[in-house]
C-alpha atoms as a PDB file:
ATOM      1  CA  MET A   1       0.000   0.000   0.000  1.00  0.00           C
ATOM      2  CA  MET A   2       1.195   3.490  -0.835  1.00  0.00           C
ATOM      3  CA  LYS A   3       1.630   6.000   1.958  1.00  0.00           C
ATOM      4  CA  PHE A   4       0.030   9.405   2.296  1.00  0.00           C
ATOM      5  CA  SER A   5       3.514  10.853   1.947  1.00  0.00           C
ATOM      6  CA  ASP A   6       3.845   9.349  -1.549  1.00  0.00           C
ATOM      7  CA  ILE A   7       0.656  11.041  -2.776  1.00  0.00           C
ATOM      8  CA  LEU A   8       1.226  14.323  -0.981  1.00  0.00           C
ATOM      9  CA  ALA A   9       4.745  14.571  -2.424  1.00  0.00           C
ATOM     10  CA  GLN A  10       3.162  14.683  -5.895  1.00  0.00           C
ATOM     11  CA  TYR A  11       1.445  17.912  -4.813  1.00  0.00           C
ATOM     12  CA  GLY A  12       4.524  19.498  -3.258  1.00  0.00           C
ATOM     13  CA  ILE A  13       3.910  18.517   0.373  1.00  0.00           C
ATOM     14  CA  GLN A  14       6.786  16.760   2.164  1.00  0.00           C
ATOM     15  CA  LEU A  15       5.833  14.813   5.278  1.00  0.00           C
ATOM     16  CA  THR A  16       7.971  13.484   8.127  1.00  0.00           C
ATOM     17  CA  SER A  17       7.075  11.715  11.372  1.00  0.00           C
ATOM     18  CA  GLY A  18       6.204  13.929  14.344  1.00  0.00           C
ATOM     19  CA  GLN A  19       5.232  16.858  12.146  1.00  0.00           C
ATOM     20  CA  LYS A  20       2.035  18.864  11.661  1.00  0.00           C
ATOM     21  CA  ILE A  21       1.546  20.643   8.354  1.00  0.00           C
ATOM     22  CA  THR A  22      -1.162  23.102   7.307  1.00  0.00           C
ATOM     23  CA  GLY A  23      -1.526  24.417   3.793  1.00  0.00           C
ATOM     24  CA  TYR A  24      -3.380  23.880   0.551  1.00  0.00           C
ATOM     25  CA  LEU A  25      -3.760  21.005  -1.865  1.00  0.00           C
ATOM     26  CA  GLU A  26      -3.901  22.619  -5.291  1.00  0.00           C
ATOM     27  CA  VAL A  27      -6.023  20.743  -7.824  1.00  0.00           C
ATOM     28  CA  PRO A  28      -4.062  20.747 -11.117  1.00  0.00           C
ATOM     29  CA  GLY A  29      -5.739  22.471 -14.033  1.00  0.00           C
ATOM     30  CA  THR A  30      -8.282  24.232 -11.812  1.00  0.00           C
ATOM     31  CA  PRO A  31      -8.423  27.298  -9.537  1.00  0.00           C
ATOM     32  CA  VAL A  32      -9.297  25.056  -6.561  1.00  0.00           C
ATOM     33  CA  LYS A  33      -7.041  24.982  -3.501  1.00  0.00           C
ATOM     34  CA  MET A  34      -8.282  22.690  -0.744  1.00  0.00           C
ATOM     35  CA  PRO A  35      -7.273  23.573   2.851  1.00  0.00           C
ATOM     36  CA  VAL A  36      -5.484  20.565   4.315  1.00  0.00           C
ATOM     37  CA  THR A  37      -3.988  19.647   7.676  1.00  0.00           C
ATOM     38  CA  ILE A  38      -1.686  16.653   8.054  1.00  0.00           C
ATOM     39  CA  ILE A  39      -0.746  15.267  11.452  1.00  0.00           C
ATOM     40  CA  ALA A  40       2.066  12.710  11.264  1.00  0.00           C
ATOM     41  CA  GLY A  41       2.038  11.142  14.707  1.00  0.00           C
ATOM     42  CA  THR A  42       5.127  10.458  16.756  1.00  0.00           C
ATOM     43  CA  ASN A  43       3.802   6.922  17.218  1.00  0.00           C
ATOM     44  CA  PRO A  44       3.247   4.365  14.438  1.00  0.00           C
ATOM     45  CA  GLY A  45      -0.312   3.487  13.461  1.00  0.00           C
ATOM     46  CA  LYS A  46      -3.019   3.705  10.829  1.00  0.00           C
ATOM     47  CA  GLN A  47      -3.446   6.191   7.999  1.00  0.00           C
ATOM     48  CA  ILE A  48      -6.766   8.037   8.391  1.00  0.00           C
ATOM     49  CA  LEU A  49      -8.393  10.374   5.859  1.00  0.00           C
ATOM     50  CA  ILE A  50     -11.077  12.796   7.081  1.00  0.00           C
ATOM     51  CA  THR A  51     -12.982  15.057   4.684  1.00  0.00           C
ATOM     52  CA  GLY A  52     -15.515  17.744   5.492  1.00  0.00           C
ATOM     53  CA  GLY A  53     -17.424  19.958   3.101  1.00  0.00           C
ATOM     54  CA  ILE A  54     -17.725  17.886  -0.051  1.00  0.00           C
ATOM     55  CA  HIS A  55     -20.965  19.882  -0.184  1.00  0.00           C
ATOM     56  CA  GLY A  56     -20.306  23.554   0.537  1.00  0.00           C
ATOM     57  CA  GLY A  57     -23.555  24.329   2.376  1.00  0.00           C
ATOM     58  CA  GLU A  58     -23.135  21.702   5.100  1.00  0.00           C
ATOM     59  CA  TYR A  59     -21.666  23.793   7.871  1.00  0.00           C
ATOM     60  CA  PRO A  60     -21.424  21.610  11.020  1.00  0.00           C
ATOM     61  CA  CYS A  61     -19.168  19.111   9.264  1.00  0.00           C
ATOM     62  CA  ILE A  62     -16.859  21.827   7.948  1.00  0.00           C
ATOM     63  CA  GLU A  63     -16.486  23.527  11.327  1.00  0.00           C
ATOM     64  CA  THR A  64     -15.940  20.137  12.977  1.00  0.00           C
ATOM     65  CA  ALA A  65     -13.145  19.262  10.549  1.00  0.00           C
ATOM     66  CA  ILE A  66     -11.524  22.675  11.074  1.00  0.00           C
ATOM     67  CA  ARG A  67     -11.544  22.319  14.854  1.00  0.00           C
ATOM     68  CA  ILE A  68     -10.285  18.739  14.894  1.00  0.00           C
ATOM     69  CA  ALA A  69      -7.495  19.736  12.514  1.00  0.00           C
ATOM     70  CA  LYS A  70      -6.594  22.608  14.828  1.00  0.00           C
ATOM     71  CA  GLU A  71      -6.662  20.444  17.959  1.00  0.00           C
ATOM     72  CA  LEU A  72      -4.838  17.269  16.974  1.00  0.00           C
ATOM     73  CA  GLN A  73      -1.112  17.230  17.650  1.00  0.00           C
ATOM     74  CA  PRO A  74       1.543  14.694  16.555  1.00  0.00           C
ATOM     75  CA  GLU A  75       2.318  13.511  20.096  1.00  0.00           C
ATOM     76  CA  ALA A  76      -1.300  12.399  20.585  1.00  0.00           C
ATOM     77  CA  VAL A  77      -1.677  10.611  17.252  1.00  0.00           C
ATOM     78  CA  HIS A  78      -0.799   7.013  16.453  1.00  0.00           C
ATOM     79  CA  GLY A  79      -0.282   6.990  12.710  1.00  0.00           C
ATOM     80  CA  THR A  80      -1.115   9.781  10.281  1.00  0.00           C
ATOM     81  CA  VAL A  81      -4.325  11.809   9.948  1.00  0.00           C
ATOM     82  CA  VAL A  82      -5.058  13.877   6.838  1.00  0.00           C
ATOM     83  CA  LEU A  83      -7.964  16.334   7.054  1.00  0.00           C
ATOM     84  CA  ILE A  84      -9.380  18.360   4.136  1.00  0.00           C
ATOM     85  CA  HIS A  85     -11.581  21.229   5.352  1.00  0.00           C
ATOM     86  CA  PRO A  86     -13.472  21.992   3.160  1.00  0.00           C
ATOM     87  CA  VAL A  87     -13.091  19.850   0.071  1.00  0.00           C
ATOM     88  CA  ASN A  88     -15.318  22.211  -1.925  1.00  0.00           C
ATOM     89  CA  PRO A  89     -14.212  25.740  -0.885  1.00  0.00           C
ATOM     90  CA  ALA A  90     -15.732  27.533  -3.879  1.00  0.00           C
ATOM     91  CA  ALA A  91     -19.191  26.139  -3.115  1.00  0.00           C
ATOM     92  CA  PHE A  92     -18.754  27.047   0.555  1.00  0.00           C
ATOM     93  CA  LEU A  93     -17.936  30.666  -0.242  1.00  0.00           C
ATOM     94  CA  ALA A  94     -20.771  30.846  -2.777  1.00  0.00           C
ATOM     95  CA  LYS A  95     -23.243  29.460  -0.192  1.00  0.00           C
ATOM     96  CA  LEU A  96     -24.162  26.874  -2.802  1.00  0.00           C
ATOM     97  CA  GLN A  97     -26.040  23.639  -2.171  1.00  0.00           C
ATOM     98  CA  TYR A  98     -24.764  20.356  -3.645  1.00  0.00           C
ATOM     99  CA  TYR A  99     -22.803  21.598  -6.615  1.00  0.00           C
ATOM    100  CA  VAL A 100     -19.320  22.727  -7.616  1.00  0.00           C
ATOM    101  CA  PRO A 101     -19.784  26.181  -9.204  1.00  0.00           C
ATOM    102  CA  PHE A 102     -17.198  25.630 -11.944  1.00  0.00           C
ATOM    103  CA  ASP A 103     -19.016  22.750 -13.663  1.00  0.00           C
ATOM    104  CA  GLY A 104     -22.404  22.443 -11.932  1.00  0.00           C
ATOM    105  CA  LYS A 105     -21.757  18.855 -10.837  1.00  0.00           C
ATOM    106  CA  ASN A 106     -22.526  17.208  -7.512  1.00  0.00           C
ATOM    107  CA  LEU A 107     -19.049  16.306  -6.233  1.00  0.00           C
ATOM    108  CA  ASN A 108     -20.365  13.303  -4.313  1.00  0.00           C
ATOM    109  CA  ARG A 109     -21.679  11.769  -7.551  1.00  0.00           C
ATOM    110  CA  VAL A 110     -18.454  11.773  -9.585  1.00  0.00           C
ATOM    111  CA  PHE A 111     -16.141   9.509  -7.567  1.00  0.00           C
ATOM    112  CA  PRO A 112     -13.577   8.070  -8.146  1.00  0.00           C
ATOM    113  CA  GLY A 113     -13.031  11.075 -10.398  1.00  0.00           C
ATOM    114  CA  LYS A 114     -10.730  11.694 -13.364  1.00  0.00           C
ATOM    115  CA  ALA A 115      -7.260  13.216 -13.449  1.00  0.00           C
ATOM    116  CA  LEU A 116      -8.095  15.150 -16.641  1.00  0.00           C
ATOM    117  CA  GLY A 117     -11.837  15.567 -16.136  1.00  0.00           C
ATOM    118  CA  THR A 118     -13.995  18.519 -15.115  1.00  0.00           C
ATOM    119  CA  VAL A 119     -13.222  20.473 -11.954  1.00  0.00           C
ATOM    120  CA  SER A 120     -15.431  18.221  -9.812  1.00  0.00           C
ATOM    121  CA  GLU A 121     -13.875  15.090 -11.281  1.00  0.00           C
ATOM    122  CA  ARG A 122     -10.361  16.391 -10.665  1.00  0.00           C
ATOM    123  CA  ILE A 123     -11.164  17.165  -7.023  1.00  0.00           C
ATOM    124  CA  ALA A 124     -12.634  13.692  -6.570  1.00  0.00           C
ATOM    125  CA  TYR A 125      -9.564  12.150  -8.200  1.00  0.00           C
ATOM    126  CA  ILE A 126      -7.209  13.663  -5.610  1.00  0.00           C
ATOM    127  CA  VAL A 127      -9.461  12.627  -2.729  1.00  0.00           C
ATOM    128  CA  HIS A 128      -9.629   9.126  -4.179  1.00  0.00           C
ATOM    129  CA  GLN A 129      -5.843   8.911  -4.410  1.00  0.00           C
ATOM    130  CA  LEU A 130      -5.726   9.547  -0.669  1.00  0.00           C
ATOM    131  CA  GLN A 131      -8.600   7.125  -0.065  1.00  0.00           C
ATOM    132  CA  GLN A 132      -6.575   4.348  -1.658  1.00  0.00           C
ATOM    133  CA  CYS A 133      -3.734   4.974   0.807  1.00  0.00           C
ATOM    134  CA  ALA A 134      -5.961   5.171   3.874  1.00  0.00           C
ATOM    135  CA  ASP A 135      -6.646   2.405   6.359  1.00  0.00           C
ATOM    136  CA  PHE A 136      -9.934   4.157   7.106  1.00  0.00           C
ATOM    137  CA  TYR A 137     -11.934   7.007   5.572  1.00  0.00           C
ATOM    138  CA  ILE A 138     -14.282   9.374   7.446  1.00  0.00           C
ATOM    139  CA  ASP A 139     -16.471  11.665   5.329  1.00  0.00           C
ATOM    140  CA  LEU A 140     -18.316  14.321   7.337  1.00  0.00           C
ATOM    141  CA  HIS A 141     -21.597  15.702   5.957  1.00  0.00           C
ATOM    142  CA  GLY A 142     -24.792  17.344   7.245  1.00  0.00           C
ATOM    143  CA  GLY A 143     -28.095  18.807   6.174  1.00  0.00           C
ATOM    144  CA  ASP A 144     -27.474  21.218   3.311  1.00  0.00           C
ATOM    145  CA  ILE A 145     -29.013  24.704   3.071  1.00  0.00           C
ATOM    146  CA  HIS A 146     -32.426  23.259   2.156  1.00  0.00           C
ATOM    147  CA  GLU A 147     -32.364  19.935   4.032  1.00  0.00           C
ATOM    148  CA  ALA A 148     -33.534  18.634   7.391  1.00  0.00           C
ATOM    149  CA  LEU A 149     -32.292  15.309   8.703  1.00  0.00           C
ATOM    150  CA  VAL A 150     -31.923  13.220  11.811  1.00  0.00           C
ATOM    151  CA  PRO A 151     -28.281  12.338  12.611  1.00  0.00           C
ATOM    152  CA  PHE A 152     -27.297   9.136  10.826  1.00  0.00           C
ATOM    153  CA  VAL A 153     -24.281   7.351   9.379  1.00  0.00           C
ATOM    154  CA  ILE A 154     -23.982   5.621   6.000  1.00  0.00           C
ATOM    155  CA  TYR A 155     -21.634   2.711   5.326  1.00  0.00           C
ATOM    156  CA  SER A 156     -21.100   0.945   2.003  1.00  0.00           C
ATOM    157  CA  HIS A 157     -22.152  -2.623   1.204  1.00  0.00           C
ATOM    158  CA  LEU A 158     -19.365  -2.692  -1.411  1.00  0.00           C
ATOM    159  CA  GLY A 159     -15.762  -3.854  -1.105  1.00  0.00           C
ATOM    160  CA  GLY A 160     -16.232  -7.318   0.359  1.00  0.00           C
ATOM    161  CA  ALA A 161     -17.245  -8.733   3.716  1.00  0.00           C
ATOM    162  CA  GLU A 162     -14.217  -7.541   5.701  1.00  0.00           C
ATOM    163  CA  VAL A 163     -14.467  -3.940   4.463  1.00  0.00           C
ATOM    164  CA  VAL A 164     -18.225  -3.897   5.138  1.00  0.00           C
ATOM    165  CA  ALA A 165     -17.784  -5.273   8.666  1.00  0.00           C
ATOM    166  CA  GLN A 166     -15.110  -2.720   9.579  1.00  0.00           C
ATOM    167  CA  SER A 167     -17.160   0.125   8.128  1.00  0.00           C
ATOM    168  CA  LYS A 168     -20.342  -0.898   9.925  1.00  0.00           C
ATOM    169  CA  GLN A 169     -18.576  -1.319  13.265  1.00  0.00           C
ATOM    170  CA  ALA A 170     -16.929   2.104  13.088  1.00  0.00           C
ATOM    171  CA  ALA A 171     -20.175   3.711  11.898  1.00  0.00           C
ATOM    172  CA  ALA A 172     -21.861   2.528  15.077  1.00  0.00           C
ATOM    173  CA  ALA A 173     -19.048   4.106  17.139  1.00  0.00           C
ATOM    174  CA  VAL A 174     -20.107   7.530  15.837  1.00  0.00           C
ATOM    175  CA  GLY A 175     -22.975   7.326  18.326  1.00  0.00           C
ATOM    176  CA  PHE A 176     -25.774   8.569  16.053  1.00  0.00           C
ATOM    177  CA  PRO A 177     -29.237   6.950  16.197  1.00  0.00           C
ATOM    178  CA  TYR A 178     -29.226   5.300  12.757  1.00  0.00           C
ATOM    179  CA  VAL A 179     -26.634   3.385  10.737  1.00  0.00           C
ATOM    180  CA  VAL A 180     -27.688   2.908   7.116  1.00  0.00           C
ATOM    181  CA  GLY A 181     -26.242   0.724   4.345  1.00  0.00           C
ATOM    182  CA  SER A 182     -25.629   1.976   0.808  1.00  0.00           C
ATOM    183  CA  TYR A 183     -25.100   0.258  -2.538  1.00  0.00           C
ATOM    184  CA  SER A 184     -24.014   3.419  -4.418  1.00  0.00           C
ATOM    185  CA  ASP A 185     -20.704   3.142  -6.270  1.00  0.00           C
ATOM    186  CA  ASN A 186     -20.230   6.767  -7.402  1.00  0.00           C
ATOM    187  CA  GLY A 187     -20.142   8.447  -3.985  1.00  0.00           C
ATOM    188  CA  SER A 188     -17.191   9.019  -1.685  1.00  0.00           C
ATOM    189  CA  ILE A 189     -17.576   5.955   0.539  1.00  0.00           C
ATOM    190  CA  GLY A 190     -18.550   3.647  -2.327  1.00  0.00           C
ATOM    191  CA  ALA A 191     -15.384   4.581  -4.217  1.00  0.00           C
ATOM    192  CA  ALA A 192     -13.298   4.069  -1.093  1.00  0.00           C
ATOM    193  CA  ALA A 193     -14.894   0.683  -0.408  1.00  0.00           C
ATOM    194  CA  ASN A 194     -14.309  -0.463  -3.990  1.00  0.00           C
ATOM    195  CA  ALA A 195     -10.645   0.422  -3.474  1.00  0.00           C
ATOM    196  CA  GLY A 196     -10.569  -1.764  -0.357  1.00  0.00           C
ATOM    197  CA  THR A 197     -10.758   1.084   2.180  1.00  0.00           C
ATOM    198  CA  PRO A 198     -13.416   0.855   4.898  1.00  0.00           C
ATOM    199  CA  GLY A 199     -15.175   4.036   5.932  1.00  0.00           C
ATOM    200  CA  PHE A 200     -18.434   5.861   6.475  1.00  0.00           C
ATOM    201  CA  LEU A 201     -20.316   9.062   5.703  1.00  0.00           C
ATOM    202  CA  ALA A 202     -21.792  10.837   8.742  1.00  0.00           C
ATOM    203  CA  GLU A 203     -24.713  13.294   8.676  1.00  0.00           C
ATOM    204  CA  LEU A 204     -25.405  15.907  11.370  1.00  0.00           C
ATOM    205  CA  GLY A 205     -27.080  19.321  11.207  1.00  0.00           C
ATOM    206  CA  GLU A 206     -29.651  20.866   8.934  1.00  0.00           C
ATOM    207  CA  CYS A 207     -30.944  23.842   6.965  1.00  0.00           C
ATOM    208  CA  GLY A 208     -27.707  25.772   6.536  1.00  0.00           C
ATOM    209  CA  ARG A 209     -27.220  26.333  10.264  1.00  0.00           C
ATOM    210  CA  TRP A 210     -24.651  25.276  12.832  1.00  0.00           C
ATOM    211  CA  SER A 211     -24.388  25.505  16.604  1.00  0.00           C
ATOM    212  CA  GLU A 212     -21.779  24.978  19.289  1.00  0.00           C
ATOM    213  CA  ALA A 213     -23.809  22.053  20.642  1.00  0.00           C
ATOM    214  CA  GLU A 214     -23.770  20.331  17.231  1.00  0.00           C
ATOM    215  CA  ILE A 215     -20.047  20.901  16.829  1.00  0.00           C
ATOM    216  CA  ALA A 216     -19.342  19.473  20.290  1.00  0.00           C
ATOM    217  CA  THR A 217     -21.419  16.383  19.453  1.00  0.00           C
ATOM    218  CA  TYR A 218     -19.706  15.936  16.100  1.00  0.00           C
ATOM    219  CA  ILE A 219     -16.192  16.351  17.516  1.00  0.00           C
ATOM    220  CA  GLN A 220     -16.884  13.818  20.242  1.00  0.00           C
ATOM    221  CA  ALA A 221     -18.293  11.412  17.658  1.00  0.00           C
ATOM    222  CA  VAL A 222     -15.179  11.628  15.461  1.00  0.00           C
ATOM    223  CA  LYS A 223     -12.858  11.264  18.448  1.00  0.00           C
ATOM    224  CA  ASN A 224     -14.758   8.189  19.607  1.00  0.00           C
ATOM    225  CA  VAL A 225     -14.179   6.619  16.193  1.00  0.00           C
ATOM    226  CA  LEU A 226     -10.488   7.559  16.251  1.00  0.00           C
ATOM    227  CA  CYS A 227     -10.211   5.905  19.658  1.00  0.00           C
ATOM    228  CA  SER A 228     -11.922   2.793  18.309  1.00  0.00           C
ATOM    229  CA  LEU A 229      -9.336   2.731  15.501  1.00  0.00           C
ATOM    230  CA  GLU A 230      -6.544   3.181  18.090  1.00  0.00           C
ATOM    231  CA  VAL A 231      -5.408   6.406  16.460  1.00  0.00           C
ATOM    232  CA  LEU A 232      -6.139   8.303  19.679  1.00  0.00           C
ATOM    233  CA  ALA A 233      -5.845   6.933  23.199  1.00  0.00           C
ATOM    234  CA  GLY A 234      -9.021   6.770  25.239  1.00  0.00           C
ATOM    235  CA  GLU A 235     -12.014   4.701  26.181  1.00  0.00           C
ATOM    236  CA  VAL A 236     -14.497   3.965  23.406  1.00  0.00           C
ATOM    237  CA  LYS A 237     -18.046   4.962  24.306  1.00  0.00           C
ATOM    238  CA  PRO A 238     -20.504   2.247  23.225  1.00  0.00           C
ATOM    239  CA  ASN A 239     -23.681   2.925  21.245  1.00  0.00           C
ATOM    240  CA  PRO A 240     -26.119   0.197  22.377  1.00  0.00           C
ATOM    241  CA  ASP A 241     -29.234   1.949  21.037  1.00  0.00           C
ATOM    242  CA  VAL A 242     -28.144   2.223  17.407  1.00  0.00           C
ATOM    243  CA  GLN A 243     -30.724   1.100  14.841  1.00  0.00           C
ATOM    244  CA  TYR A 244     -29.315  -0.573  11.750  1.00  0.00           C
ATOM    245  CA  MET A 245     -30.975  -0.073   8.377  1.00  0.00           C
ATOM    246  CA  GLU A 246     -30.267  -2.117   5.274  1.00  0.00           C
ATOM    247  CA  LYS A 247     -30.574   0.775   2.838  1.00  0.00           C
ATOM    248  CA  MET A 248     -32.011   4.203   2.142  1.00  0.00           C
ATOM    249  CA  SER A 249     -34.739   4.770  -0.460  1.00  0.00           C
ATOM    250  CA  VAL A 250     -34.636   8.273  -1.986  1.00  0.00           C
ATOM    251  CA  LEU A 251     -37.606  10.018  -3.629  1.00  0.00           C
ATOM    252  CA  THR A 252     -36.543  12.304  -6.491  1.00  0.00           C
ATOM    253  CA  ALA A 253     -38.339  15.323  -7.960  1.00  0.00           C
ATOM    254  CA  GLU A 254     -39.912  14.756 -11.381  1.00  0.00           C
ATOM    255  CA  ASP A 255     -40.814  18.444 -11.820  1.00  0.00           C
ATOM    256  CA  GLU A 256     -39.593  21.876 -10.834  1.00  0.00           C
ATOM    257  CA  GLY A 257     -41.767  24.181  -8.790  1.00  0.00           C
ATOM    258  CA  CYS A 258     -42.928  24.328  -5.164  1.00  0.00           C
ATOM    259  CA  TRP A 259     -42.420  21.368  -2.810  1.00  0.00           C
ATOM    260  CA  TYR A 260     -44.906  20.537  -0.023  1.00  0.00           C
ATOM    261  CA  ALA A 261     -43.995  17.778   2.418  1.00  0.00           C
ATOM    262  CA  PHE A 262     -46.854  16.104   4.298  1.00  0.00           C
ATOM    263  CA  LYS A 263     -44.640  14.153   6.686  1.00  0.00           C
ATOM    264  CA  GLN A 264     -42.019  15.002   9.305  1.00  0.00           C
ATOM    265  CA  LEU A 265     -38.607  13.643  10.195  1.00  0.00           C
ATOM    266  CA  GLU A 266     -38.632  10.256  11.940  1.00  0.00           C
ATOM    267  CA  ASP A 267     -42.219   9.589  10.926  1.00  0.00           C
ATOM    268  CA  THR A 268     -42.789   5.905  10.287  1.00  0.00           C
ATOM    269  CA  VAL A 269     -44.314   5.553   6.820  1.00  0.00           C
ATOM    270  CA  ARG A 270     -45.894   2.620   5.044  1.00  0.00           C
ATOM    271  CA  GLN A 271     -45.424   1.717   1.401  1.00  0.00           C
ATOM    272  CA  GLY A 272     -47.864   3.709  -0.728  1.00  0.00           C
ATOM    273  CA  GLU A 273     -48.329   6.472   1.862  1.00  0.00           C
ATOM    274  CA  LYS A 274     -48.203  10.017   0.455  1.00  0.00           C
ATOM    275  CA  ILE A 275     -45.050  11.929   1.387  1.00  0.00           C
ATOM    276  CA  GLY A 276     -45.716  15.191  -0.441  1.00  0.00           C
ATOM    277  CA  GLU A 277     -46.336  16.892  -3.772  1.00  0.00           C
ATOM    278  CA  ILE A 278     -44.912  19.482  -6.162  1.00  0.00           C
ATOM    279  CA  ARG A 279     -47.183  22.322  -7.311  1.00  0.00           C
ATOM    280  CA  ASP A 280     -46.715  24.973  -9.976  1.00  0.00           C
ATOM    281  CA  PHE A 281     -46.698  28.726  -9.381  1.00  0.00           C
ATOM    282  CA  PHE A 282     -50.506  28.783  -9.556  1.00  0.00           C
ATOM    283  CA  GLY A 283     -50.898  26.212  -6.788  1.00  0.00           C
ATOM    284  CA  ASP A 284     -51.890  23.359  -9.092  1.00  0.00           C
ATOM    285  CA  THR A 285     -50.441  19.906  -8.431  1.00  0.00           C
ATOM    286  CA  LEU A 286     -47.782  18.774 -10.894  1.00  0.00           C
ATOM    287  CA  SER A 287     -46.718  15.493  -9.276  1.00  0.00           C
ATOM    288  CA  GLU A 288     -47.349  13.474  -6.117  1.00  0.00           C
ATOM    289  CA  TYR A 289     -44.841  11.400  -4.186  1.00  0.00           C
ATOM    290  CA  PHE A 290     -45.560   8.191  -2.320  1.00  0.00           C
ATOM    291  CA  ALA A 291     -43.376   5.949  -0.190  1.00  0.00           C
ATOM    292  CA  ASP A 292     -42.022   3.153  -2.367  1.00  0.00           C
ATOM    293  CA  THR A 293     -41.211   1.146   0.745  1.00  0.00           C
ATOM    294  CA  SER A 294     -41.977   1.123   4.457  1.00  0.00           C
ATOM    295  CA  GLY A 295     -39.526   2.657   6.886  1.00  0.00           C
ATOM    296  CA  ILE A 296     -38.508   5.805   8.777  1.00  0.00           C
ATOM    297  CA  LEU A 297     -38.062   9.273   7.251  1.00  0.00           C
ATOM    298  CA  ILE A 298     -34.475  10.284   7.990  1.00  0.00           C
ATOM    299  CA  TYR A 299     -34.086  13.099   5.452  1.00  0.00           C
ATOM    300  CA  LEU A 300     -36.513  15.710   4.143  1.00  0.00           C
ATOM    301  CA  VAL A 301     -36.175  18.764   1.895  1.00  0.00           C
ATOM    302  CA  THR A 302     -37.452  21.860   3.700  1.00  0.00           C
ATOM    303  CA  SER A 303     -37.262  24.498   0.969  1.00  0.00           C
ATOM    304  CA  LEU A 304     -40.316  25.595  -0.999  1.00  0.00           C
ATOM    305  CA  ALA A 305     -38.272  25.721  -4.209  1.00  0.00           C
ATOM    306  CA  ILE A 306     -37.425  22.420  -5.868  1.00  0.00           C
ATOM    307  CA  THR A 307     -35.585  21.525  -9.068  1.00  0.00           C
ATOM    308  CA  LYS A 308     -36.230  18.500 -11.254  1.00  0.00           C
ATOM    309  CA  GLY A 309     -33.895  15.668 -10.352  1.00  0.00           C
ATOM    310  CA  ASP A 310     -33.254  16.826  -6.779  1.00  0.00           C
ATOM    311  CA  PRO A 311     -33.869  14.473  -3.856  1.00  0.00           C
ATOM    312  CA  LEU A 312     -37.038  15.167  -1.840  1.00  0.00           C
ATOM    313  CA  ALA A 313     -36.945  12.695   1.024  1.00  0.00           C
ATOM    314  CA  ALA A 314     -35.189   9.535   2.123  1.00  0.00           C
ATOM    315  CA  ILE A 315     -36.694   6.514   3.855  1.00  0.00           C
ATOM    316  CA  GLY A 316     -34.442   4.346   5.990  1.00  0.00           C
ATOM    317  CA  VAL A 317     -35.365   0.704   5.393  1.00  0.00           C
ATOM    318  CA  VAL A 318     -34.808  -1.869   8.126  1.00  0.00           C
ATOM    319  CA  GLY A 319     -33.487  -5.110   6.629  1.00  0.00           C
END
């Protein structure tokens, strides 16, 4: 397995044991410079990649990554931790949901990326290079500017039994109420899993807001995982009340217009039950949306405005 130092050297960053480096990862052929912090521990151990802000409007995850990067020091770390905070700085500064402003693509739908692709694909390519070096990958997310959600963690069903087991176990250590499986192969954790790297995607926060309480919860969650991976010393807090879900079923907008949700977060819904509808600017119904499976609503769009192709709601399905 390649080391982080091998990849980082390609981008002009030289890494030695016992060192902490802050700077920027410049994405070749683009104006993007990703803020990065690398902590090379004084003790041997695992290589951990942590990303926050793949989506620029998800603020709790970005602030959490910034603070963890600021706090961690080489003498406390076993192994090497690389944090990118945020991955998508242009979207963050533009207060933009989902997309990279240079090419209009959803960064979390273009993994593993392309070295000579669009801006989004080039960003994903660099992240994926680091994923392939990592022993574990932590991708921090949250409710975007127009999204409400209950805290949950997604792990990938891809990559083989050992990768799945490691991912699922660490996802539970986050301490959030729900742990959900995913079969997607074009997102961050799916690409990592296909490369043989276990990991998870965590979700906390909603509607373009952040609070000190959320940040404290998120930081503690990440530290608990790092303790479980023996990257940090400390007792691992168990999560006996976690509810495991086999997958997440996402309802997608078939029209543009005004979105009206008839259900609330954590409502239990039955297959065929109406979740909401899209109306035009005269108040006439364009399309209706019904649960395609039974489960628990863990994600819900809160904005009145909706665009065709955008997700509307997600149902967590118990296996």
